[in-house]
């Protein structure tokens, strides 16, 4: 039996537009605004993106913050590792770059937004799940690591909620292999039990991930297909025509135009 749709997907336009690390326009970039900041999330929200994609790590004083890289070299020119910095230190560095966001702050500041949270490190899984639990109806938890993802989900359930989820690298690799041949639908359904969306790139190196057979198999199992990271409007149109359910993009403003918002 296919998975029942999660509330995460209720009452939002299709295809889903997921603002990858928020929205940083060219003008914002020139002003020094960085991704995964309060300013970037506010821009995505103001543009009309129902979904904000982000990443979480944990600070030296055990606060879950939204940050993709393991250090601040790329976004702030600071080589220190996020895990070795306190919340106060991170806030100081990011104050002029759009404002650091903790996971808890982001959920509070944007109560109508739906968040797609990629748990980047094992140490953040339990705390992230605990924060997300009460807001599980509007959060999808994922990770490249399936054990880490499951740990975050267990924590969220213990805190009172069951977020949506997308599988990690091992499950996706298995799906790609299964959909290259005549795998029984029941096998794919079992592989995707409890999965709400499968979030993938079009290609992984020389391997083609996104094929019509892959999309059809995921849909037959009751899950959505989201593709990352797509910034060209022509590619967005092509993927929508192919039948994907979500576009993860750095330019949510352009994607919303493509969708006709």
C-alpha atoms as a PDB file:
ATOM      1  CA  UNK A   1       0.000   0.000   0.000  1.00  0.00           C
ATOM      2  CA  UNK A   2       1.329   3.481  -0.893  1.00  0.00           C
ATOM      3  CA  UNK A   3       2.310   5.942   1.793  1.00  0.00           C
ATOM      4  CA  UNK A   4      -0.423   8.381   2.828  1.00  0.00           C
ATOM      5  CA  UNK A   5       0.517  12.007   2.025  1.00  0.00           C
ATOM      6  CA  UNK A   6       2.194  13.751   4.941  1.00  0.00           C
ATOM      7  CA  UNK A   7       0.697  17.050   6.199  1.00  0.00           C
ATOM      8  CA  UNK A   8       3.959  18.660   5.070  1.00  0.00           C
ATOM      9  CA  UNK A   9       2.560  18.614   1.536  1.00  0.00           C
ATOM     10  CA  UNK A  10      -0.986  19.744   2.330  1.00  0.00           C
ATOM     11  CA  UNK A  11      -2.370  22.927   0.792  1.00  0.00           C
ATOM     12  CA  UNK A  12       0.749  23.918  -1.135  1.00  0.00           C
ATOM     13  CA  UNK A  13       1.132  24.394  -4.875  1.00  0.00           C
ATOM     14  CA  UNK A  14       2.604  21.688  -7.087  1.00  0.00           C
ATOM     15  CA  UNK A  15       5.374  21.379  -8.106  1.00  0.00           C
ATOM     16  CA  UNK A  16       6.912  22.335  -4.771  1.00  0.00           C
ATOM     17  CA  UNK A  17       9.512  25.078  -4.847  1.00  0.00           C
ATOM     18  CA  UNK A  18      12.127  24.545  -2.138  1.00  0.00           C
ATOM     19  CA  UNK A  19      14.306  27.591  -1.484  1.00  0.00           C
ATOM     20  CA  UNK A  20      17.778  26.079  -1.190  1.00  0.00           C
ATOM     21  CA  UNK A  21      19.381  27.617   1.914  1.00  0.00           C
ATOM     22  CA  UNK A  22      16.869  30.441   1.579  1.00  0.00           C
ATOM     23  CA  UNK A  23      17.113  33.032  -1.173  1.00  0.00           C
ATOM     24  CA  UNK A  24      20.092  35.271  -1.851  1.00  0.00           C
ATOM     25  CA  UNK A  25      19.550  37.442  -4.909  1.00  0.00           C
ATOM     26  CA  UNK A  26      22.442  39.032  -6.781  1.00  0.00           C
ATOM     27  CA  UNK A  27      21.775  42.323  -5.019  1.00  0.00           C
ATOM     28  CA  UNK A  28      21.753  40.631  -1.601  1.00  0.00           C
ATOM     29  CA  UNK A  29      25.006  38.874  -2.442  1.00  0.00           C
ATOM     30  CA  UNK A  30      26.618  42.204  -3.329  1.00  0.00           C
ATOM     31  CA  UNK A  31      25.468  43.493   0.058  1.00  0.00           C
ATOM     32  CA  UNK A  32      27.266  40.619   1.783  1.00  0.00           C
ATOM     33  CA  UNK A  33      24.217  38.544   2.700  1.00  0.00           C
ATOM     34  CA  UNK A  34      24.981  34.842   3.035  1.00  0.00           C
ATOM     35  CA  UNK A  35      22.899  31.705   2.575  1.00  0.00           C
ATOM     36  CA  UNK A  36      21.220  29.977   5.528  1.00  0.00           C
ATOM     37  CA  UNK A  37      20.671  33.247   7.366  1.00  0.00           C
ATOM     38  CA  UNK A  38      17.601  34.968   8.732  1.00  0.00           C
ATOM     39  CA  UNK A  39      17.823  37.463   5.843  1.00  0.00           C
ATOM     40  CA  UNK A  40      17.971  34.663   3.254  1.00  0.00           C
ATOM     41  CA  UNK A  41      15.008  32.881   4.817  1.00  0.00           C
ATOM     42  CA  UNK A  42      13.047  36.128   4.984  1.00  0.00           C
ATOM     43  CA  UNK A  43      13.725  36.768   1.290  1.00  0.00           C
ATOM     44  CA  UNK A  44      12.488  33.291   0.363  1.00  0.00           C
ATOM     45  CA  UNK A  45       9.390  33.741   2.493  1.00  0.00           C
ATOM     46  CA  UNK A  46       8.695  37.181   1.012  1.00  0.00           C
ATOM     47  CA  UNK A  47       9.077  35.808  -2.527  1.00  0.00           C
ATOM     48  CA  UNK A  48       6.316  33.305  -1.789  1.00  0.00           C
ATOM     49  CA  UNK A  49       8.295  30.088  -1.346  1.00  0.00           C
ATOM     50  CA  UNK A  50       6.299  27.739   0.873  1.00  0.00           C
ATOM     51  CA  UNK A  51       9.361  25.565   1.530  1.00  0.00           C
ATOM     52  CA  UNK A  52      12.776  26.536   2.876  1.00  0.00           C
ATOM     53  CA  UNK A  53      15.613  24.032   2.592  1.00  0.00           C
ATOM     54  CA  UNK A  54      18.424  24.283   5.127  1.00  0.00           C
ATOM     55  CA  UNK A  55      21.133  22.316   6.927  1.00  0.00           C
ATOM     56  CA  UNK A  56      21.903  21.922  10.591  1.00  0.00           C
ATOM     57  CA  UNK A  57      25.013  21.498  12.679  1.00  0.00           C
ATOM     58  CA  UNK A  58      25.768  21.890  16.361  1.00  0.00           C
ATOM     59  CA  UNK A  59      27.879  24.478  18.159  1.00  0.00           C
ATOM     60  CA  UNK A  60      30.473  23.984  20.884  1.00  0.00           C
ATOM     61  CA  UNK A  61      27.769  24.864  23.425  1.00  0.00           C
ATOM     62  CA  UNK A  62      25.278  22.367  21.954  1.00  0.00           C
ATOM     63  CA  UNK A  63      22.954  24.683  20.014  1.00  0.00           C
ATOM     64  CA  UNK A  64      21.550  23.488  16.684  1.00  0.00           C
ATOM     65  CA  UNK A  65      22.350  26.123  14.058  1.00  0.00           C
ATOM     66  CA  UNK A  66      21.509  26.320  10.382  1.00  0.00           C
ATOM     67  CA  UNK A  67      24.717  26.077   8.398  1.00  0.00           C
ATOM     68  CA  UNK A  68      25.797  23.916   5.469  1.00  0.00           C
ATOM     69  CA  UNK A  69      29.607  23.837   5.670  1.00  0.00           C
ATOM     70  CA  UNK A  70      31.633  22.515   8.577  1.00  0.00           C
ATOM     71  CA  UNK A  71      33.405  25.875   8.844  1.00  0.00           C
ATOM     72  CA  UNK A  72      32.774  29.509   7.902  1.00  0.00           C
ATOM     73  CA  UNK A  73      35.513  29.889   5.287  1.00  0.00           C
ATOM     74  CA  UNK A  74      33.192  30.119   2.297  1.00  0.00           C
ATOM     75  CA  UNK A  75      30.372  32.207   3.758  1.00  0.00           C
ATOM     76  CA  UNK A  76      32.343  34.507   6.054  1.00  0.00           C
ATOM     77  CA  UNK A  77      36.057  34.107   5.379  1.00  0.00           C
ATOM     78  CA  UNK A  78      36.516  32.593   8.834  1.00  0.00           C
ATOM     79  CA  UNK A  79      38.270  29.193   8.903  1.00  0.00           C
ATOM     80  CA  UNK A  80      36.995  28.172  12.334  1.00  0.00           C
ATOM     81  CA  UNK A  81      34.838  25.054  12.516  1.00  0.00           C
ATOM     82  CA  UNK A  82      31.203  25.532  13.504  1.00  0.00           C
ATOM     83  CA  UNK A  83      31.537  22.730  16.079  1.00  0.00           C
ATOM     84  CA  UNK A  84      34.385  24.598  17.787  1.00  0.00           C
ATOM     85  CA  UNK A  85      32.538  27.912  18.086  1.00  0.00           C
ATOM     86  CA  UNK A  86      29.948  29.019  20.614  1.00  0.00           C
ATOM     87  CA  UNK A  87      26.584  30.381  19.579  1.00  0.00           C
ATOM     88  CA  UNK A  88      27.704  33.880  20.606  1.00  0.00           C
ATOM     89  CA  UNK A  89      30.826  33.653  18.448  1.00  0.00           C
ATOM     90  CA  UNK A  90      28.841  32.507  15.427  1.00  0.00           C
ATOM     91  CA  UNK A  91      26.277  35.247  15.922  1.00  0.00           C
ATOM     92  CA  UNK A  92      29.051  37.853  15.977  1.00  0.00           C
ATOM     93  CA  UNK A  93      30.605  36.601  12.744  1.00  0.00           C
ATOM     94  CA  UNK A  94      27.269  36.321  10.926  1.00  0.00           C
ATOM     95  CA  UNK A  95      25.676  39.548  12.215  1.00  0.00           C
ATOM     96  CA  UNK A  96      26.730  41.531   9.138  1.00  0.00           C
ATOM     97  CA  UNK A  97      25.967  38.692   6.742  1.00  0.00           C
ATOM     98  CA  UNK A  98      22.254  38.308   7.295  1.00  0.00           C
ATOM     99  CA  UNK A  99      22.108  36.975  10.843  1.00  0.00           C
ATOM    100  CA  UNK A 100      22.801  33.490  12.145  1.00  0.00           C
ATOM    101  CA  UNK A 101      19.709  31.326  12.608  1.00  0.00           C
ATOM    102  CA  UNK A 102      19.316  28.540  15.103  1.00  0.00           C
ATOM    103  CA  UNK A 103      16.845  25.829  14.133  1.00  0.00           C
ATOM    104  CA  UNK A 104      14.551  26.914  16.916  1.00  0.00           C
ATOM    105  CA  UNK A 105      14.709  30.584  15.882  1.00  0.00           C
ATOM    106  CA  UNK A 106      13.925  29.789  12.255  1.00  0.00           C
ATOM    107  CA  UNK A 107      10.843  27.763  13.173  1.00  0.00           C
ATOM    108  CA  UNK A 108       9.654  30.556  15.462  1.00  0.00           C
ATOM    109  CA  UNK A 109      10.432  33.415  13.060  1.00  0.00           C
ATOM    110  CA  UNK A 110       8.643  31.843  10.082  1.00  0.00           C
ATOM    111  CA  UNK A 111       5.620  30.069  11.543  1.00  0.00           C
ATOM    112  CA  UNK A 112       3.922  29.561   8.183  1.00  0.00           C
ATOM    113  CA  UNK A 113       6.994  28.242   6.364  1.00  0.00           C
ATOM    114  CA  UNK A 114       7.731  24.572   5.877  1.00  0.00           C
ATOM    115  CA  UNK A 115      11.316  23.528   6.467  1.00  0.00           C
ATOM    116  CA  UNK A 116      13.402  20.855   4.779  1.00  0.00           C
ATOM    117  CA  UNK A 117      16.242  20.179   7.231  1.00  0.00           C
ATOM    118  CA  UNK A 118      19.356  18.205   6.300  1.00  0.00           C
ATOM    119  CA  UNK A 119      21.104  16.961   9.453  1.00  0.00           C
ATOM    120  CA  UNK A 120      24.806  17.253   8.670  1.00  0.00           C
ATOM    121  CA  UNK A 121      26.418  15.672  11.737  1.00  0.00           C
ATOM    122  CA  UNK A 122      25.551  12.854  14.116  1.00  0.00           C
ATOM    123  CA  UNK A 123      25.896  15.155  17.118  1.00  0.00           C
ATOM    124  CA  UNK A 124      22.990  17.324  15.908  1.00  0.00           C
ATOM    125  CA  UNK A 125      20.506  14.511  15.267  1.00  0.00           C
ATOM    126  CA  UNK A 126      18.970  14.064  18.714  1.00  0.00           C
ATOM    127  CA  UNK A 127      18.682  17.776  19.501  1.00  0.00           C
ATOM    128  CA  UNK A 128      17.354  18.645  16.037  1.00  0.00           C
ATOM    129  CA  UNK A 129      14.687  15.969  16.323  1.00  0.00           C
ATOM    130  CA  UNK A 130      13.666  17.205  19.744  1.00  0.00           C
ATOM    131  CA  UNK A 131      13.230  20.755  18.414  1.00  0.00           C
ATOM    132  CA  UNK A 132      11.344  19.618  15.330  1.00  0.00           C
ATOM    133  CA  UNK A 133       8.968  17.224  17.081  1.00  0.00           C
ATOM    134  CA  UNK A 134       6.287  19.777  18.064  1.00  0.00           C
ATOM    135  CA  UNK A 135       6.416  21.276  14.533  1.00  0.00           C
ATOM    136  CA  UNK A 136       6.560  17.943  12.701  1.00  0.00           C
ATOM    137  CA  UNK A 137       3.594  18.768  10.456  1.00  0.00           C
ATOM    138  CA  UNK A 138       5.728  21.373   8.638  1.00  0.00           C
ATOM    139  CA  UNK A 139       9.179  19.803   8.681  1.00  0.00           C
ATOM    140  CA  UNK A 140      10.951  17.226   6.543  1.00  0.00           C
ATOM    141  CA  UNK A 141      14.078  15.700   8.077  1.00  0.00           C
ATOM    142  CA  UNK A 142      16.750  14.206   5.888  1.00  0.00           C
ATOM    143  CA  UNK A 143      20.460  13.376   5.850  1.00  0.00           C
ATOM    144  CA  UNK A 144      22.973  11.753   3.522  1.00  0.00           C
ATOM    145  CA  UNK A 145      23.344   9.239   6.360  1.00  0.00           C
ATOM    146  CA  UNK A 146      20.311   6.998   6.850  1.00  0.00           C
ATOM    147  CA  UNK A 147      21.311   6.075  10.450  1.00  0.00           C
ATOM    148  CA  UNK A 148      21.622   9.785  11.302  1.00  0.00           C
ATOM    149  CA  UNK A 149      18.266  10.526   9.670  1.00  0.00           C
ATOM    150  CA  UNK A 150      16.598   7.723  11.603  1.00  0.00           C
ATOM    151  CA  UNK A 151      18.129   8.977  14.858  1.00  0.00           C
ATOM    152  CA  UNK A 152      16.686  12.443  14.240  1.00  0.00           C
ATOM    153  CA  UNK A 153      13.287  10.964  13.399  1.00  0.00           C
ATOM    154  CA  UNK A 154      13.264   8.857  16.588  1.00  0.00           C
ATOM    155  CA  UNK A 155      14.033  11.946  18.621  1.00  0.00           C
ATOM    156  CA  UNK A 156      11.257  13.906  16.915  1.00  0.00           C
ATOM    157  CA  UNK A 157       8.757  11.136  17.593  1.00  0.00           C
ATOM    158  CA  UNK A 158       9.813  11.025  21.226  1.00  0.00           C
ATOM    159  CA  UNK A 159       9.120  14.769  21.312  1.00  0.00           C
ATOM    160  CA  UNK A 160       5.606  14.252  20.018  1.00  0.00           C
ATOM    161  CA  UNK A 161       5.691  14.424  16.236  1.00  0.00           C
ATOM    162  CA  UNK A 162       6.469  12.501  13.063  1.00  0.00           C
ATOM    163  CA  UNK A 163       8.145  14.722  10.457  1.00  0.00           C
ATOM    164  CA  UNK A 164       8.192  13.907   6.777  1.00  0.00           C
ATOM    165  CA  UNK A 165      11.436  12.378   5.569  1.00  0.00           C
ATOM    166  CA  UNK A 166      13.630  11.753   2.536  1.00  0.00           C
ATOM    167  CA  UNK A 167      16.124   8.865   2.417  1.00  0.00           C
ATOM    168  CA  UNK A 168      19.887   8.987   2.603  1.00  0.00           C
ATOM    169  CA  UNK A 169      22.567   8.059   0.119  1.00  0.00           C
ATOM    170  CA  UNK A 170      22.470   4.291   0.667  1.00  0.00           C
ATOM    171  CA  UNK A 171      18.721   4.011   0.077  1.00  0.00           C
ATOM    172  CA  UNK A 172      18.892   6.223  -3.007  1.00  0.00           C
ATOM    173  CA  UNK A 173      21.766   4.162  -4.437  1.00  0.00           C
ATOM    174  CA  UNK A 174      19.654   1.053  -3.968  1.00  0.00           C
ATOM    175  CA  UNK A 175      16.703   2.716  -5.690  1.00  0.00           C
ATOM    176  CA  UNK A 176      18.830   3.719  -8.660  1.00  0.00           C
ATOM    177  CA  UNK A 177      20.038   0.138  -9.010  1.00  0.00           C
ATOM    178  CA  UNK A 178      16.532  -1.287  -8.651  1.00  0.00           C
ATOM    179  CA  UNK A 179      15.016   1.036 -11.253  1.00  0.00           C
ATOM    180  CA  UNK A 180      17.645   0.200 -13.849  1.00  0.00           C
ATOM    181  CA  UNK A 181      16.073  -3.214 -14.194  1.00  0.00           C
ATOM    182  CA  UNK A 182      12.664  -4.875 -13.837  1.00  0.00           C
ATOM    183  CA  UNK A 183      12.534  -4.812 -10.053  1.00  0.00           C
ATOM    184  CA  UNK A 184       9.154  -5.853  -8.617  1.00  0.00           C
ATOM    185  CA  UNK A 185       7.090  -2.883  -7.438  1.00  0.00           C
ATOM    186  CA  UNK A 186       6.700  -4.567  -4.040  1.00  0.00           C
ATOM    187  CA  UNK A 187      10.475  -4.436  -3.504  1.00  0.00           C
ATOM    188  CA  UNK A 188      10.582  -0.700  -4.196  1.00  0.00           C
ATOM    189  CA  UNK A 189       7.562  -0.097  -1.978  1.00  0.00           C
ATOM    190  CA  UNK A 190       9.350  -1.868   0.868  1.00  0.00           C
ATOM    191  CA  UNK A 191      12.472   0.195   0.274  1.00  0.00           C
ATOM    192  CA  UNK A 192      10.401   3.386   0.492  1.00  0.00           C
ATOM    193  CA  UNK A 193       8.210   2.423   3.430  1.00  0.00           C
ATOM    194  CA  UNK A 194       7.894   5.480   5.638  1.00  0.00           C
ATOM    195  CA  UNK A 195       9.516   7.740   3.021  1.00  0.00           C
ATOM    196  CA  UNK A 196       7.630  10.833   1.888  1.00  0.00           C
ATOM    197  CA  UNK A 197       9.954  12.301  -0.747  1.00  0.00           C
ATOM    198  CA  UNK A 198      13.055  11.182  -2.591  1.00  0.00           C
ATOM    199  CA  UNK A 199      15.407  14.113  -3.083  1.00  0.00           C
ATOM    200  CA  UNK A 200      18.082  13.562  -5.715  1.00  0.00           C
ATOM    201  CA  UNK A 201      20.339  15.253  -8.249  1.00  0.00           C
ATOM    202  CA  UNK A 202      19.725  14.528 -11.916  1.00  0.00           C
ATOM    203  CA  UNK A 203      23.105  12.803 -12.133  1.00  0.00           C
ATOM    204  CA  UNK A 204      25.700  11.512  -9.715  1.00  0.00           C
ATOM    205  CA  UNK A 205      28.993  11.625 -11.563  1.00  0.00           C
ATOM    206  CA  UNK A 206      28.465   9.534 -14.690  1.00  0.00           C
ATOM    207  CA  UNK A 207      25.420   7.797 -13.255  1.00  0.00           C
ATOM    208  CA  UNK A 208      22.016   9.005 -14.389  1.00  0.00           C
ATOM    209  CA  UNK A 209      19.787   9.131 -11.317  1.00  0.00           C
ATOM    210  CA  UNK A 210      16.622  10.765 -12.585  1.00  0.00           C
ATOM    211  CA  UNK A 211      14.946   8.648 -15.237  1.00  0.00           C
ATOM    212  CA  UNK A 212      11.273   8.211 -16.153  1.00  0.00           C
ATOM    213  CA  UNK A 213      11.412   4.725 -14.630  1.00  0.00           C
ATOM    214  CA  UNK A 214      12.848   6.121 -11.394  1.00  0.00           C
ATOM    215  CA  UNK A 215      10.112   8.773 -11.177  1.00  0.00           C
ATOM    216  CA  UNK A 216       7.353   6.268 -11.948  1.00  0.00           C
ATOM    217  CA  UNK A 217       8.655   3.800  -9.351  1.00  0.00           C
ATOM    218  CA  UNK A 218       8.847   6.428  -6.599  1.00  0.00           C
ATOM    219  CA  UNK A 219       5.369   7.700  -7.449  1.00  0.00           C
ATOM    220  CA  UNK A 220       3.976   4.157  -7.428  1.00  0.00           C
ATOM    221  CA  UNK A 221       5.341   3.789  -3.892  1.00  0.00           C
ATOM    222  CA  UNK A 222       3.461   6.929  -2.806  1.00  0.00           C
ATOM    223  CA  UNK A 223       6.429   9.293  -2.482  1.00  0.00           C
ATOM    224  CA  UNK A 224       7.362  12.526  -4.238  1.00  0.00           C
ATOM    225  CA  UNK A 225      10.463  13.207  -6.340  1.00  0.00           C
ATOM    226  CA  UNK A 226      12.400  16.424  -5.650  1.00  0.00           C
ATOM    227  CA  UNK A 227      15.457  17.418  -7.699  1.00  0.00           C
ATOM    228  CA  UNK A 228      18.410  19.510  -6.528  1.00  0.00           C
ATOM    229  CA  UNK A 229      19.921  22.017  -7.200  1.00  0.00           C
ATOM    230  CA  UNK A 230      18.253  23.561 -10.261  1.00  0.00           C
ATOM    231  CA  UNK A 231      18.778  27.247 -11.063  1.00  0.00           C
ATOM    232  CA  UNK A 232      18.152  27.511 -14.806  1.00  0.00           C
ATOM    233  CA  UNK A 233      14.503  28.227 -15.751  1.00  0.00           C
ATOM    234  CA  UNK A 234      14.708  26.028 -18.861  1.00  0.00           C
ATOM    235  CA  UNK A 235      15.930  23.114 -16.758  1.00  0.00           C
ATOM    236  CA  UNK A 236      13.104  23.751 -14.298  1.00  0.00           C
ATOM    237  CA  UNK A 237      10.534  23.565 -17.104  1.00  0.00           C
ATOM    238  CA  UNK A 238      12.091  20.393 -18.514  1.00  0.00           C
ATOM    239  CA  UNK A 239      12.064  18.671 -15.124  1.00  0.00           C
ATOM    240  CA  UNK A 240       8.491  19.700 -14.413  1.00  0.00           C
ATOM    241  CA  UNK A 241       7.490  18.261 -17.801  1.00  0.00           C
ATOM    242  CA  UNK A 242       9.312  15.069 -16.846  1.00  0.00           C
ATOM    243  CA  UNK A 243       7.022  14.744 -13.838  1.00  0.00           C
ATOM    244  CA  UNK A 244       9.066  15.783 -10.802  1.00  0.00           C
ATOM    245  CA  UNK A 245       7.178  17.055  -7.777  1.00  0.00           C
ATOM    246  CA  UNK A 246       9.699  19.509  -6.389  1.00  0.00           C
ATOM    247  CA  UNK A 247      12.506  21.809  -7.492  1.00  0.00           C
ATOM    248  CA  UNK A 248      15.233  22.617  -4.977  1.00  0.00           C
ATOM    249  CA  UNK A 249      16.765  25.885  -6.135  1.00  0.00           C
ATOM    250  CA  UNK A 250      18.978  28.792  -5.131  1.00  0.00           C
ATOM    251  CA  UNK A 251      16.621  31.028  -7.104  1.00  0.00           C
ATOM    252  CA  UNK A 252      13.185  30.417  -5.677  1.00  0.00           C
ATOM    253  CA  UNK A 253      12.076  33.728  -7.176  1.00  0.00           C
ATOM    254  CA  UNK A 254      12.793  32.461 -10.709  1.00  0.00           C
ATOM    255  CA  UNK A 255      11.250  29.064  -9.988  1.00  0.00           C
ATOM    256  CA  UNK A 256       8.045  30.668  -8.768  1.00  0.00           C
ATOM    257  CA  UNK A 257       7.867  32.621 -12.005  1.00  0.00           C
ATOM    258  CA  UNK A 258       8.319  29.398 -13.968  1.00  0.00           C
ATOM    259  CA  UNK A 259       5.487  27.829 -12.009  1.00  0.00           C
ATOM    260  CA  UNK A 260       3.322  30.842 -12.821  1.00  0.00           C
ATOM    261  CA  UNK A 261       2.955  32.365  -9.363  1.00  0.00           C
END
